[in-house]
mmCIF file of all heavy atoms, coordinates in Angstrom:
data_MODEL
# 
_entry.id   MODEL 
# 
loop_
_atom_site.group_PDB 
_atom_site.id 
_atom_site.type_symbol 
_atom_site.label_atom_id 
_atom_site.label_alt_id 
_atom_site.label_comp_id 
_atom_site.label_asym_id 
_atom_site.label_entity_id 
_atom_site.label_seq_id 
_atom_site.pdbx_PDB_ins_code 
_atom_site.Cartn_x 
_atom_site.Cartn_y 
_atom_site.Cartn_z 
_atom_site.occupancy 
_atom_site.B_iso_or_equiv 
_atom_site.pdbx_formal_charge 
_atom_site.auth_seq_id 
_atom_site.auth_comp_id 
_atom_site.auth_asym_id 
_atom_site.auth_atom_id 
_atom_site.pdbx_PDB_model_num 
ATOM 1   N N   . THR A 1 1  ? 0.830  -1.213 0.000   1.00 0.00 ? 1  THR A N   1 
ATOM 2   C CA  . THR A 1 1  ? 0.000  0.000  0.000   1.00 0.00 ? 1  THR A CA  1 
ATOM 3   C C   . THR A 1 1  ? 0.865  1.265  0.000   1.00 0.00 ? 1  THR A C   1 
ATOM 4   O O   . THR A 1 1  ? 0.605  2.232  -0.720  1.00 0.00 ? 1  THR A O   1 
ATOM 5   C CB  . THR A 1 1  ? -0.914 -0.002 1.238   1.00 0.00 ? 1  THR A CB  1 
ATOM 6   O OG1 . THR A 1 1  ? -1.718 -1.180 1.230   1.00 0.00 ? 1  THR A OG1 1 
ATOM 7   C CG2 . THR A 1 1  ? -1.814 1.232  1.226   1.00 0.00 ? 1  THR A CG2 1 
ATOM 8   N N   . LEU A 1 2  ? 1.920  1.259  0.812   1.00 0.00 ? 2  LEU A N   1 
ATOM 9   C CA  . LEU A 1 2  ? 2.828  2.408  0.869   1.00 0.00 ? 2  LEU A CA  1 
ATOM 10  C C   . LEU A 1 2  ? 3.514  2.645  -0.475  1.00 0.00 ? 2  LEU A C   1 
ATOM 11  O O   . LEU A 1 2  ? 3.693  3.799  -0.904  1.00 0.00 ? 2  LEU A O   1 
ATOM 12  C CB  . LEU A 1 2  ? 3.885  2.204  1.976   1.00 0.00 ? 2  LEU A CB  1 
ATOM 13  C CG  . LEU A 1 2  ? 3.411  2.381  3.412   1.00 0.00 ? 2  LEU A CG  1 
ATOM 14  C CD1 . LEU A 1 2  ? 4.527  2.002  4.379   1.00 0.00 ? 2  LEU A CD1 1 
ATOM 15  C CD2 . LEU A 1 2  ? 2.974  3.818  3.661   1.00 0.00 ? 2  LEU A CD2 1 
ATOM 16  N N   . ASN A 1 3  ? 3.956  1.598  -1.137  1.00 0.00 ? 3  ASN A N   1 
ATOM 17  C CA  . ASN A 1 3  ? 4.601  1.746  -2.451  1.00 0.00 ? 3  ASN A CA  1 
ATOM 18  C C   . ASN A 1 3  ? 3.648  2.384  -3.451  1.00 0.00 ? 3  ASN A C   1 
ATOM 19  O O   . ASN A 1 3  ? 4.040  3.228  -4.261  1.00 0.00 ? 3  ASN A O   1 
ATOM 20  C CB  . ASN A 1 3  ? 5.062  0.381  -2.962  1.00 0.00 ? 3  ASN A CB  1 
ATOM 21  C CG  . ASN A 1 3  ? 6.316  -0.096 -2.235  1.00 0.00 ? 3  ASN A CG  1 
ATOM 22  O OD1 . ASN A 1 3  ? 7.118  0.722  -1.772  1.00 0.00 ? 3  ASN A OD1 1 
ATOM 23  N ND2 . ASN A 1 3  ? 6.497  -1.408 -2.128  1.00 0.00 ? 3  ASN A ND2 1 
ATOM 24  N N   . GLU A 1 4  ? 2.361  1.952  -3.375  1.00 0.00 ? 4  GLU A N   1 
ATOM 25  C CA  . GLU A 1 4  ? 1.369  2.549  -4.277  1.00 0.00 ? 4  GLU A CA  1 
ATOM 26  C C   . GLU A 1 4  ? 1.207  4.030  -3.984  1.00 0.00 ? 4  GLU A C   1 
ATOM 27  O O   . GLU A 1 4  ? 1.129  4.866  -4.899  1.00 0.00 ? 4  GLU A O   1 
ATOM 28  C CB  . GLU A 1 4  ? 0.034  1.815  -4.118  1.00 0.00 ? 4  GLU A CB  1 
ATOM 29  C CG  . GLU A 1 4  ? 0.064  0.376  -4.651  1.00 0.00 ? 4  GLU A CG  1 
ATOM 30  C CD  . GLU A 1 4  ? -1.257 -0.346 -4.401  1.00 0.00 ? 4  GLU A CD  1 
ATOM 31  O OE1 . GLU A 1 4  ? -2.120 0.254  -3.708  1.00 0.00 ? 4  GLU A OE1 1 
ATOM 32  O OE2 . GLU A 1 4  ? -1.406 -1.472 -4.892  1.00 0.00 ? 4  GLU A OE2 1 
ATOM 33  N N   . ARG A 1 5  ? 1.141  4.339  -2.669  1.00 0.00 ? 5  ARG A N   1 
ATOM 34  C CA  . ARG A 1 5  ? 1.008  5.748  -2.299  1.00 0.00 ? 5  ARG A CA  1 
ATOM 35  C C   . ARG A 1 5  ? 2.222  6.560  -2.755  1.00 0.00 ? 5  ARG A C   1 
ATOM 36  O O   . ARG A 1 5  ? 2.105  7.689  -3.228  1.00 0.00 ? 5  ARG A O   1 
ATOM 37  C CB  . ARG A 1 5  ? 0.832  5.870  -0.788  1.00 0.00 ? 5  ARG A CB  1 
ATOM 38  C CG  . ARG A 1 5  ? -0.513 5.349  -0.293  1.00 0.00 ? 5  ARG A CG  1 
ATOM 39  C CD  . ARG A 1 5  ? -0.543 5.311  1.222   1.00 0.00 ? 5  ARG A CD  1 
ATOM 40  N NE  . ARG A 1 5  ? -0.356 6.641  1.801   1.00 0.00 ? 5  ARG A NE  1 
ATOM 41  C CZ  . ARG A 1 5  ? -0.179 6.871  3.107   1.00 0.00 ? 5  ARG A CZ  1 
ATOM 42  N NH1 . ARG A 1 5  ? -0.133 5.846  3.956   1.00 0.00 ? 5  ARG A NH1 1 
ATOM 43  N NH2 . ARG A 1 5  ? -0.020 8.094  3.559   1.00 0.00 ? 5  ARG A NH2 1 
ATOM 44  N N   . LEU A 1 6  ? 3.436  5.969  -2.589  1.00 0.00 ? 6  LEU A N   1 
ATOM 45  C CA  . LEU A 1 6  ? 4.664  6.672  -3.029  1.00 0.00 ? 6  LEU A CA  1 
ATOM 46  C C   . LEU A 1 6  ? 4.668  6.890  -4.524  1.00 0.00 ? 6  LEU A C   1 
ATOM 47  O O   . LEU A 1 6  ? 5.097  7.951  -5.015  1.00 0.00 ? 6  LEU A O   1 
ATOM 48  C CB  . LEU A 1 6  ? 5.907  5.874  -2.597  1.00 0.00 ? 6  LEU A CB  1 
ATOM 49  C CG  . LEU A 1 6  ? 6.220  5.874  -1.097  1.00 0.00 ? 6  LEU A CG  1 
ATOM 50  C CD1 . LEU A 1 6  ? 7.369  4.913  -0.795  1.00 0.00 ? 6  LEU A CD1 1 
ATOM 51  C CD2 . LEU A 1 6  ? 6.589  7.280  -0.618  1.00 0.00 ? 6  LEU A CD2 1 
ATOM 52  N N   . ASN A 1 7  ? 4.219  5.876  -5.274  1.00 0.00 ? 7  ASN A N   1 
ATOM 53  C CA  . ASN A 1 7  ? 4.159  6.028  -6.738  1.00 0.00 ? 7  ASN A CA  1 
ATOM 54  C C   . ASN A 1 7  ? 3.207  7.140  -7.120  1.00 0.00 ? 7  ASN A C   1 
ATOM 55  O O   . ASN A 1 7  ? 3.476  7.951  -8.017  1.00 0.00 ? 7  ASN A O   1 
ATOM 56  C CB  . ASN A 1 7  ? 3.726  4.712  -7.384  1.00 0.00 ? 7  ASN A CB  1 
ATOM 57  C CG  . ASN A 1 7  ? 4.820  3.658  -7.316  1.00 0.00 ? 7  ASN A CG  1 
ATOM 58  O OD1 . ASN A 1 7  ? 6.002  3.998  -7.278  1.00 0.00 ? 7  ASN A OD1 1 
ATOM 59  N ND2 . ASN A 1 7  ? 4.439  2.381  -7.294  1.00 0.00 ? 7  ASN A ND2 1 
ATOM 60  N N   . ASN A 1 8  ? 2.048  7.168  -6.408  1.00 0.00 ? 8  ASN A N   1 
ATOM 61  C CA  . ASN A 1 8  ? 1.078  8.232  -6.688  1.00 0.00 ? 8  ASN A CA  1 
ATOM 62  C C   . ASN A 1 8  ? 1.660  9.605  -6.375  1.00 0.00 ? 8  ASN A C   1 
ATOM 63  O O   . ASN A 1 8  ? 1.481  10.572 -7.121  1.00 0.00 ? 8  ASN A O   1 
ATOM 64  C CB  . ASN A 1 8  ? -0.203 7.998  -5.876  1.00 0.00 ? 8  ASN A CB  1 
ATOM 65  C CG  . ASN A 1 8  ? -0.961 6.766  -6.344  1.00 0.00 ? 8  ASN A CG  1 
ATOM 66  O OD1 . ASN A 1 8  ? -0.851 6.382  -7.515  1.00 0.00 ? 8  ASN A OD1 1 
ATOM 67  N ND2 . ASN A 1 8  ? -1.731 6.155  -5.449  1.00 0.00 ? 8  ASN A ND2 1 
ATOM 68  N N   . LEU A 1 9  ? 2.384  9.666  -5.208  1.00 0.00 ? 9  LEU A N   1 
ATOM 69  C CA  . LEU A 1 9  ? 3.015  10.939 -4.853  1.00 0.00 ? 9  LEU A CA  1 
ATOM 70  C C   . LEU A 1 9  ? 4.068  11.354 -5.865  1.00 0.00 ? 9  LEU A C   1 
ATOM 71  O O   . LEU A 1 9  ? 4.211  12.526 -6.212  1.00 0.00 ? 9  LEU A O   1 
ATOM 72  C CB  . LEU A 1 9  ? 3.639  10.841 -3.450  1.00 0.00 ? 9  LEU A CB  1 
ATOM 73  C CG  . LEU A 1 9  ? 2.660  10.809 -2.276  1.00 0.00 ? 9  LEU A CG  1 
ATOM 74  C CD1 . LEU A 1 9  ? 3.410  10.531 -0.980  1.00 0.00 ? 9  LEU A CD1 1 
ATOM 75  C CD2 . LEU A 1 9  ? 1.910  12.144 -2.173  1.00 0.00 ? 9  LEU A CD2 1 
ATOM 76  N N   . ASN A 1 10 ? 4.862  10.402 -6.357  1.00 0.00 ? 10 ASN A N   1 
ATOM 77  C CA  . ASN A 1 10 ? 5.901  10.692 -7.333  1.00 0.00 ? 10 ASN A CA  1 
ATOM 78  C C   . ASN A 1 10 ? 5.298  11.217 -8.624  1.00 0.00 ? 10 ASN A C   1 
ATOM 79  O O   . ASN A 1 10 ? 5.775  12.185 -9.220  1.00 0.00 ? 10 ASN A O   1 
ATOM 80  C CB  . ASN A 1 10 ? 6.717  9.430  -7.596  1.00 0.00 ? 10 ASN A CB  1 
ATOM 81  C CG  . ASN A 1 10 ? 7.911  9.698  -8.489  1.00 0.00 ? 10 ASN A CG  1 
ATOM 82  O OD1 . ASN A 1 10 ? 8.599  10.699 -8.332  1.00 0.00 ? 10 ASN A OD1 1 
ATOM 83  N ND2 . ASN A 1 10 ? 8.169  8.803  -9.426  1.00 0.00 ? 10 ASN A ND2 1 
ATOM 84  N N   . GLN A 1 11 ? 4.187  10.547 -9.068  1.00 0.00 ? 11 GLN A N   1 
ATOM 85  C CA  . GLN A 1 11 ? 3.526  11.017 -10.279 1.00 0.00 ? 11 GLN A CA  1 
ATOM 86  C C   . GLN A 1 11 ? 2.962  12.414 -10.071 1.00 0.00 ? 11 GLN A C   1 
ATOM 87  O O   . GLN A 1 11 ? 3.015  13.271 -10.959 1.00 0.00 ? 11 GLN A O   1 
ATOM 88  C CB  . GLN A 1 11 ? 2.418  10.028 -10.661 1.00 0.00 ? 11 GLN A CB  1 
ATOM 89  C CG  . GLN A 1 11 ? 2.946  8.682  -11.140 1.00 0.00 ? 11 GLN A CG  1 
ATOM 90  C CD  . GLN A 1 11 ? 1.822  7.693  -11.451 1.00 0.00 ? 11 GLN A CD  1 
ATOM 91  O OE1 . GLN A 1 11 ? 0.646  8.022  -11.251 1.00 0.00 ? 11 GLN A OE1 1 
ATOM 92  N NE2 . GLN A 1 11 ? 2.182  6.504  -11.909 1.00 0.00 ? 11 GLN A NE2 1 
ATOM 93  N N   . SER A 1 12 ? 2.436  12.643 -8.864  1.00 0.00 ? 12 SER A N   1 
ATOM 94  C CA  . SER A 1 12 ? 1.907  13.972 -8.563  1.00 0.00 ? 12 SER A CA  1 
ATOM 95  C C   . SER A 1 12 ? 3.017  15.020 -8.574  1.00 0.00 ? 12 SER A C   1 
ATOM 96  O O   . SER A 1 12 ? 2.826  16.142 -9.052  1.00 0.00 ? 12 SER A O   1 
ATOM 97  C CB  . SER A 1 12 ? 1.223  13.939 -7.187  1.00 0.00 ? 12 SER A CB  1 
ATOM 98  O OG  . SER A 1 12 ? 0.769  15.226 -6.827  1.00 0.00 ? 12 SER A OG  1 
ATOM 99  N N   . ASN A 1 13 ? 4.216  14.653 -8.084  1.00 0.00 ? 13 ASN A N   1 
ATOM 100 C CA  . ASN A 1 13 ? 5.363  15.574 -8.083  1.00 0.00 ? 13 ASN A CA  1 
ATOM 101 C C   . ASN A 1 13 ? 5.797  15.906 -9.504  1.00 0.00 ? 13 ASN A C   1 
ATOM 102 O O   . ASN A 1 13 ? 6.118  17.052 -9.820  1.00 0.00 ? 13 ASN A O   1 
ATOM 103 C CB  . ASN A 1 13 ? 6.510  14.947 -7.298  1.00 0.00 ? 13 ASN A CB  1 
ATOM 104 C CG  . ASN A 1 13 ? 7.682  15.907 -7.136  1.00 0.00 ? 13 ASN A CG  1 
ATOM 105 O OD1 . ASN A 1 13 ? 7.490  17.060 -6.766  1.00 0.00 ? 13 ASN A OD1 1 
ATOM 106 N ND2 . ASN A 1 13 ? 8.882  15.428 -7.408  1.00 0.00 ? 13 ASN A ND2 1 
ATOM 107 N N   . ILE A 1 14 ? 5.815  14.904 -10.393 1.00 0.00 ? 14 ILE A N   1 
ATOM 108 C CA  . ILE A 1 14 ? 6.178  15.135 -11.800 1.00 0.00 ? 14 ILE A CA  1 
ATOM 109 C C   . ILE A 1 14 ? 5.194  16.098 -12.445 1.00 0.00 ? 14 ILE A C   1 
ATOM 110 O O   . ILE A 1 14 ? 5.581  17.042 -13.160 1.00 0.00 ? 14 ILE A O   1 
ATOM 111 C CB  . ILE A 1 14 ? 6.218  13.810 -12.571 1.00 0.00 ? 14 ILE A CB  1 
ATOM 112 C CG1 . ILE A 1 14 ? 7.373  12.933 -12.052 1.00 0.00 ? 14 ILE A CG1 1 
ATOM 113 C CG2 . ILE A 1 14 ? 6.378  14.043 -14.062 1.00 0.00 ? 14 ILE A CG2 1 
ATOM 114 C CD1 . ILE A 1 14 ? 7.382  11.534 -12.620 1.00 0.00 ? 14 ILE A CD1 1 
ATOM 115 N N   . SER A 1 15 ? 3.904  15.883 -12.163 1.00 0.00 ? 15 SER A N   1 
ATOM 116 C CA  . SER A 1 15 ? 2.886  16.777 -12.723 1.00 0.00 ? 15 SER A CA  1 
ATOM 117 C C   . SER A 1 15 ? 3.069  18.194 -12.205 1.00 0.00 ? 15 SER A C   1 
ATOM 118 O O   . SER A 1 15 ? 2.954  19.173 -12.942 1.00 0.00 ? 15 SER A O   1 
ATOM 119 C CB  . SER A 1 15 ? 1.485  16.256 -12.354 1.00 0.00 ? 15 SER A CB  1 
ATOM 120 O OG  . SER A 1 15 ? 1.283  14.955 -12.861 1.00 0.00 ? 15 SER A OG  1 
ATOM 121 N N   . THR A 1 16 ? 3.368  18.271 -10.893 1.00 0.00 ? 16 THR A N   1 
ATOM 122 C CA  . THR A 1 16 ? 3.585  19.607 -10.300 1.00 0.00 ? 16 THR A CA  1 
ATOM 123 C C   . THR A 1 16 ? 4.773  20.311 -10.947 1.00 0.00 ? 16 THR A C   1 
ATOM 124 O O   . THR A 1 16 ? 4.717  21.513 -11.234 1.00 0.00 ? 16 THR A O   1 
ATOM 125 C CB  . THR A 1 16 ? 3.819  19.466 -8.787  1.00 0.00 ? 16 THR A CB  1 
ATOM 126 O OG1 . THR A 1 16 ? 2.715  18.808 -8.187  1.00 0.00 ? 16 THR A OG1 1 
ATOM 127 C CG2 . THR A 1 16 ? 3.989  20.838 -8.143  1.00 0.00 ? 16 THR A CG2 1 
ATOM 128 N N   . ASN A 1 17 ? 5.870  19.559 -11.194 1.00 0.00 ? 17 ASN A N   1 
ATOM 129 C CA  . ASN A 1 17 ? 7.056  20.155 -11.833 1.00 0.00 ? 17 ASN A CA  1 
ATOM 130 C C   . ASN A 1 17 ? 6.727  20.659 -13.232 1.00 0.00 ? 17 ASN A C   1 
ATOM 131 O O   . ASN A 1 17 ? 7.206  21.725 -13.656 1.00 0.00 ? 17 ASN A O   1 
ATOM 132 C CB  . ASN A 1 17 ? 8.188  19.139 -11.894 1.00 0.00 ? 17 ASN A CB  1 
ATOM 133 C CG  . ASN A 1 17 ? 8.784  18.871 -10.527 1.00 0.00 ? 17 ASN A CG  1 
ATOM 134 O OD1 . ASN A 1 17 ? 8.688  19.706 -9.617  1.00 0.00 ? 17 ASN A OD1 1 
ATOM 135 N ND2 . ASN A 1 17 ? 9.400  17.706 -10.353 1.00 0.00 ? 17 ASN A ND2 1 
ATOM 136 N N   . LYS A 1 18 ? 5.905  19.895 -13.948 1.00 0.00 ? 18 LYS A N   1 
ATOM 137 C CA  . LYS A 1 18 ? 5.522  20.325 -15.296 1.00 0.00 ? 18 LYS A CA  1 
ATOM 138 C C   . LYS A 1 18 ? 4.718  21.614 -15.238 1.00 0.00 ? 18 LYS A C   1 
ATOM 139 O O   . LYS A 1 18 ? 4.919  22.527 -16.037 1.00 0.00 ? 18 LYS A O   1 
ATOM 140 C CB  . LYS A 1 18 ? 4.713  19.226 -15.985 1.00 0.00 ? 18 LYS A CB  1 
ATOM 141 C CG  . LYS A 1 18 ? 5.532  18.014 -16.382 1.00 0.00 ? 18 LYS A CG  1 
ATOM 142 C CD  . LYS A 1 18 ? 4.674  16.996 -17.123 1.00 0.00 ? 18 LYS A CD  1 
ATOM 143 C CE  . LYS A 1 18 ? 5.518  15.792 -17.558 1.00 0.00 ? 18 LYS A CE  1 
ATOM 144 N NZ  . LYS A 1 18 ? 4.701  14.762 -18.248 1.00 0.00 ? 18 LYS A NZ  1 
ATOM 145 N N   . ILE A 1 19 ? 3.822  21.680 -14.272 1.00 0.00 ? 19 ILE A N   1 
ATOM 146 C CA  . ILE A 1 19 ? 3.016  22.901 -14.126 1.00 0.00 ? 19 ILE A CA  1 
ATOM 147 C C   . ILE A 1 19 ? 3.907  24.100 -13.791 1.00 0.00 ? 19 ILE A C   1 
ATOM 148 O O   . ILE A 1 19 ? 3.759  25.194 -14.329 1.00 0.00 ? 19 ILE A O   1 
ATOM 149 C CB  . ILE A 1 19 ? 1.939  22.690 -13.043 1.00 0.00 ? 19 ILE A CB  1 
ATOM 150 C CG1 . ILE A 1 19 ? 0.929  21.636 -13.488 1.00 0.00 ? 19 ILE A CG1 1 
ATOM 151 C CG2 . ILE A 1 19 ? 1.231  24.002 -12.720 1.00 0.00 ? 19 ILE A CG2 1 
ATOM 152 C CD1 . ILE A 1 19 ? -0.057 21.237 -12.412 1.00 0.00 ? 19 ILE A CD1 1 
ATOM 153 N N   . VAL A 1 20 ? 4.872  23.850 -12.865 1.00 0.00 ? 20 VAL A N   1 
ATOM 154 C CA  . VAL A 1 20 ? 5.796  24.925 -12.481 1.00 0.00 ? 20 VAL A CA  1 
ATOM 155 C C   . VAL A 1 20 ? 6.613  25.392 -13.695 1.00 0.00 ? 20 VAL A C   1 
ATOM 156 O O   . VAL A 1 20 ? 6.812  26.592 -13.905 1.00 0.00 ? 20 VAL A O   1 
ATOM 157 C CB  . VAL A 1 20 ? 6.730  24.443 -11.352 1.00 0.00 ? 20 VAL A CB  1 
ATOM 158 C CG1 . VAL A 1 20 ? 7.844  25.474 -11.106 1.00 0.00 ? 20 VAL A CG1 1 
ATOM 159 C CG2 . VAL A 1 20 ? 5.946  24.229 -10.069 1.00 0.00 ? 20 VAL A CG2 1 
ATOM 160 N N   . GLU A 1 21 ? 7.096  24.434 -14.509 1.00 0.00 ? 21 GLU A N   1 
ATOM 161 C CA  . GLU A 1 21 ? 7.871  24.793 -15.705 1.00 0.00 ? 21 GLU A CA  1 
ATOM 162 C C   . GLU A 1 21 ? 7.028  25.617 -16.671 1.00 0.00 ? 21 GLU A C   1 
ATOM 163 O O   . GLU A 1 21 ? 7.501  26.594 -17.262 1.00 0.00 ? 21 GLU A O   1 
ATOM 164 C CB  . GLU A 1 21 ? 8.381  23.523 -16.385 1.00 0.00 ? 21 GLU A CB  1 
ATOM 165 C CG  . GLU A 1 21 ? 9.477  22.811 -15.596 1.00 0.00 ? 21 GLU A CG  1 
ATOM 166 C CD  . GLU A 1 21 ? 9.899  21.517 -16.282 1.00 0.00 ? 21 GLU A CD  1 
ATOM 167 O OE1 . GLU A 1 21 ? 9.317  21.194 -17.329 1.00 0.00 ? 21 GLU A OE1 1 
ATOM 168 O OE2 . GLU A 1 21 ? 10.816 20.844 -15.742 1.00 0.00 ? 21 GLU A OE2 1 
ATOM 169 N N   . GLN A 1 22 ? 5.781  25.203 -16.847 1.00 0.00 ? 22 GLN A N   1 
ATOM 170 C CA  . GLN A 1 22 ? 4.897  25.960 -17.738 1.00 0.00 ? 22 GLN A CA  1 
ATOM 171 C C   . GLN A 1 22 ? 4.678  27.381 -17.235 1.00 0.00 ? 22 GLN A C   1 
ATOM 172 O O   . GLN A 1 22 ? 4.730  28.353 -18.000 1.00 0.00 ? 22 GLN A O   1 
ATOM 173 C CB  . GLN A 1 22 ? 3.562  25.224 -17.871 1.00 0.00 ? 22 GLN A CB  1 
ATOM 174 C CG  . GLN A 1 22 ? 3.657  23.891 -18.616 1.00 0.00 ? 22 GLN A CG  1 
ATOM 175 C CD  . GLN A 1 22 ? 2.349  23.115 -18.588 1.00 0.00 ? 22 GLN A CD  1 
ATOM 176 O OE1 . GLN A 1 22 ? 1.371  23.550 -17.962 1.00 0.00 ? 22 GLN A OE1 1 
ATOM 177 N NE2 . GLN A 1 22 ? 2.342  21.960 -19.260 1.00 0.00 ? 22 GLN A NE2 1 
ATOM 178 N N   . LEU A 1 23 ? 4.454  27.490 -15.916 1.00 0.00 ? 23 LEU A N   1 
ATOM 179 C CA  . LEU A 1 23 ? 4.258  28.825 -15.336 1.00 0.00 ? 23 LEU A CA  1 
ATOM 180 C C   . LEU A 1 23 ? 5.525  29.680 -15.452 1.00 0.00 ? 23 LEU A C   1 
ATOM 181 O O   . LEU A 1 23 ? 5.451  30.881 -15.709 1.00 0.00 ? 23 LEU A O   1 
ATOM 182 C CB  . LEU A 1 23 ? 3.841  28.695 -13.866 1.00 0.00 ? 23 LEU A CB  1 
ATOM 183 C CG  . LEU A 1 23 ? 2.456  28.091 -13.611 1.00 0.00 ? 23 LEU A CG  1 
ATOM 184 C CD1 . LEU A 1 23 ? 2.231  27.898 -12.123 1.00 0.00 ? 23 LEU A CD1 1 
ATOM 185 C CD2 . LEU A 1 23 ? 1.368  28.993 -14.185 1.00 0.00 ? 23 LEU A CD2 1 
ATOM 186 N N   . GLU A 1 24 ? 6.700  29.069 -15.236 1.00 0.00 ? 24 GLU A N   1 
ATOM 187 C CA  . GLU A 1 24 ? 7.964  29.810 -15.364 1.00 0.00 ? 24 GLU A CA  1 
ATOM 188 C C   . GLU A 1 24 ? 8.166  30.293 -16.790 1.00 0.00 ? 24 GLU A C   1 
ATOM 189 O O   . GLU A 1 24 ? 8.620  31.417 -17.031 1.00 0.00 ? 24 GLU A O   1 
ATOM 190 C CB  . GLU A 1 24 ? 9.127  28.902 -14.937 1.00 0.00 ? 24 GLU A CB  1 
ATOM 191 C CG  . GLU A 1 24 ? 10.496 29.542 -15.033 1.00 0.00 ? 24 GLU A CG  1 
ATOM 192 C CD  . GLU A 1 24 ? 10.681 30.707 -14.085 1.00 0.00 ? 24 GLU A CD  1 
ATOM 193 O OE1 . GLU A 1 24 ? 9.910  30.813 -13.098 1.00 0.00 ? 24 GLU A OE1 1 
ATOM 194 O OE2 . GLU A 1 24 ? 11.584 31.520 -14.328 1.00 0.00 ? 24 GLU A OE2 1 
ATOM 195 N N   . SER A 1 25 ? 7.819  29.439 -17.757 1.00 0.00 ? 25 SER A N   1 
ATOM 196 C CA  . SER A 1 25 ? 7.935  29.829 -19.165 1.00 0.00 ? 25 SER A CA  1 
ATOM 197 C C   . SER A 1 25 ? 7.024  31.010 -19.472 1.00 0.00 ? 25 SER A C   1 
ATOM 198 O O   . SER A 1 25 ? 7.420  31.951 -20.163 1.00 0.00 ? 25 SER A O   1 
ATOM 199 C CB  . SER A 1 25 ? 7.601  28.640 -20.058 1.00 0.00 ? 25 SER A CB  1 
ATOM 200 O OG  . SER A 1 25 ? 7.637  29.015 -21.412 1.00 0.00 ? 25 SER A OG  1 
ATOM 201 N N   . LYS A 1 26 ? 5.795  30.968 -18.919 1.00 0.00 ? 26 LYS A N   1 
ATOM 202 C CA  . LYS A 1 26 ? 4.874  32.075 -19.131 1.00 0.00 ? 26 LYS A CA  1 
ATOM 203 C C   . LYS A 1 26 ? 5.396  33.343 -18.469 1.00 0.00 ? 26 LYS A C   1 
ATOM 204 O O   . LYS A 1 26 ? 5.256  34.443 -19.002 1.00 0.00 ? 26 LYS A O   1 
ATOM 205 C CB  . LYS A 1 26 ? 3.504  31.716 -18.566 1.00 0.00 ? 26 LYS A CB  1 
ATOM 206 C CG  . LYS A 1 26 ? 2.763  30.660 -19.385 1.00 0.00 ? 26 LYS A CG  1 
ATOM 207 C CD  . LYS A 1 26 ? 1.390  30.378 -18.792 1.00 0.00 ? 26 LYS A CD  1 
ATOM 208 C CE  . LYS A 1 26 ? 0.647  29.320 -19.617 1.00 0.00 ? 26 LYS A CE  1 
ATOM 209 N NZ  . LYS A 1 26 ? -0.697 29.028 -19.059 1.00 0.00 ? 26 LYS A NZ  1 
ATOM 210 N N   . ARG A 1 27 ? 6.018  33.198 -17.274 1.00 0.00 ? 27 ARG A N   1 
ATOM 211 C CA  . ARG A 1 27 ? 6.567  34.359 -16.585 1.00 0.00 ? 27 ARG A CA  1 
ATOM 212 C C   . ARG A 1 27 ? 7.665  35.032 -17.415 1.00 0.00 ? 27 ARG A C   1 
ATOM 213 O O   . ARG A 1 27 ? 7.707  36.252 -17.547 1.00 0.00 ? 27 ARG A O   1 
ATOM 214 C CB  . ARG A 1 27 ? 7.127  33.946 -15.220 1.00 0.00 ? 27 ARG A CB  1 
ATOM 215 C CG  . ARG A 1 27 ? 7.582  35.118 -14.350 1.00 0.00 ? 27 ARG A CG  1 
ATOM 216 C CD  . ARG A 1 27 ? 8.320  34.640 -13.128 1.00 0.00 ? 27 ARG A CD  1 
ATOM 217 N NE  . ARG A 1 27 ? 9.605  34.097 -13.479 1.00 0.00 ? 27 ARG A NE  1 
ATOM 218 C CZ  . ARG A 1 27 ? 10.694 34.846 -13.721 1.00 0.00 ? 27 ARG A CZ  1 
ATOM 219 N NH1 . ARG A 1 27 ? 10.624 36.163 -13.644 1.00 0.00 ? 27 ARG A NH1 1 
ATOM 220 N NH2 . ARG A 1 27 ? 11.839 34.276 -14.042 1.00 0.00 ? 27 ARG A NH2 1 
ATOM 221 N N   . LYS A 1 28 ? 8.580  34.191 -17.961 1.00 0.00 ? 28 LYS A N   1 
ATOM 222 C CA  . LYS A 1 28 ? 9.657  34.745 -18.800 1.00 0.00 ? 28 LYS A CA  1 
ATOM 223 C C   . LYS A 1 28 ? 9.098  35.448 -20.028 1.00 0.00 ? 28 LYS A C   1 
ATOM 224 O O   . LYS A 1 28 ? 9.596  36.494 -20.443 1.00 0.00 ? 28 LYS A O   1 
ATOM 225 C CB  . LYS A 1 28 ? 10.611 33.628 -19.215 1.00 0.00 ? 28 LYS A CB  1 
ATOM 226 C CG  . LYS A 1 28 ? 11.433 33.054 -18.064 1.00 0.00 ? 28 LYS A CG  1 
ATOM 227 C CD  . LYS A 1 28 ? 12.358 31.957 -18.565 1.00 0.00 ? 28 LYS A CD  1 
ATOM 228 C CE  . LYS A 1 28 ? 13.200 31.406 -17.401 1.00 0.00 ? 28 LYS A CE  1 
ATOM 229 N NZ  . LYS A 1 28 ? 14.089 30.310 -17.849 1.00 0.00 ? 28 LYS A NZ  1 
ATOM 230 N N   . GLN A 1 29 ? 8.072  34.860 -20.610 1.00 0.00 ? 29 GLN A N   1 
ATOM 231 C CA  . GLN A 1 29 ? 7.464  35.470 -21.778 1.00 0.00 ? 29 GLN A CA  1 
ATOM 232 C C   . GLN A 1 29 ? 6.866  36.823 -21.431 1.00 0.00 ? 29 GLN A C   1 
ATOM 233 O O   . GLN A 1 29 ? 6.997  37.807 -22.175 1.00 0.00 ? 29 GLN A O   1 
ATOM 234 C CB  . GLN A 1 29 ? 6.381  34.524 -22.341 1.00 0.00 ? 29 GLN A CB  1 
ATOM 235 C CG  . GLN A 1 29 ? 5.710  35.043 -23.609 1.00 0.00 ? 29 GLN A CG  1 
ATOM 236 C CD  . GLN A 1 29 ? 6.693  35.119 -24.765 1.00 0.00 ? 29 GLN A CD  1 
ATOM 237 O OE1 . GLN A 1 29 ? 7.570  34.276 -24.898 1.00 0.00 ? 29 GLN A OE1 1 
ATOM 238 N NE2 . GLN A 1 29 ? 6.568  36.141 -25.592 1.00 0.00 ? 29 GLN A NE2 1 
# 
């Protein structure tokens, strides 16, 4: 169960990083 939760958290972190990158790109623009 913990491994599943960690995988979900990791996927959520990747999504968050993508959102942050998109926002940073918009900020630079």
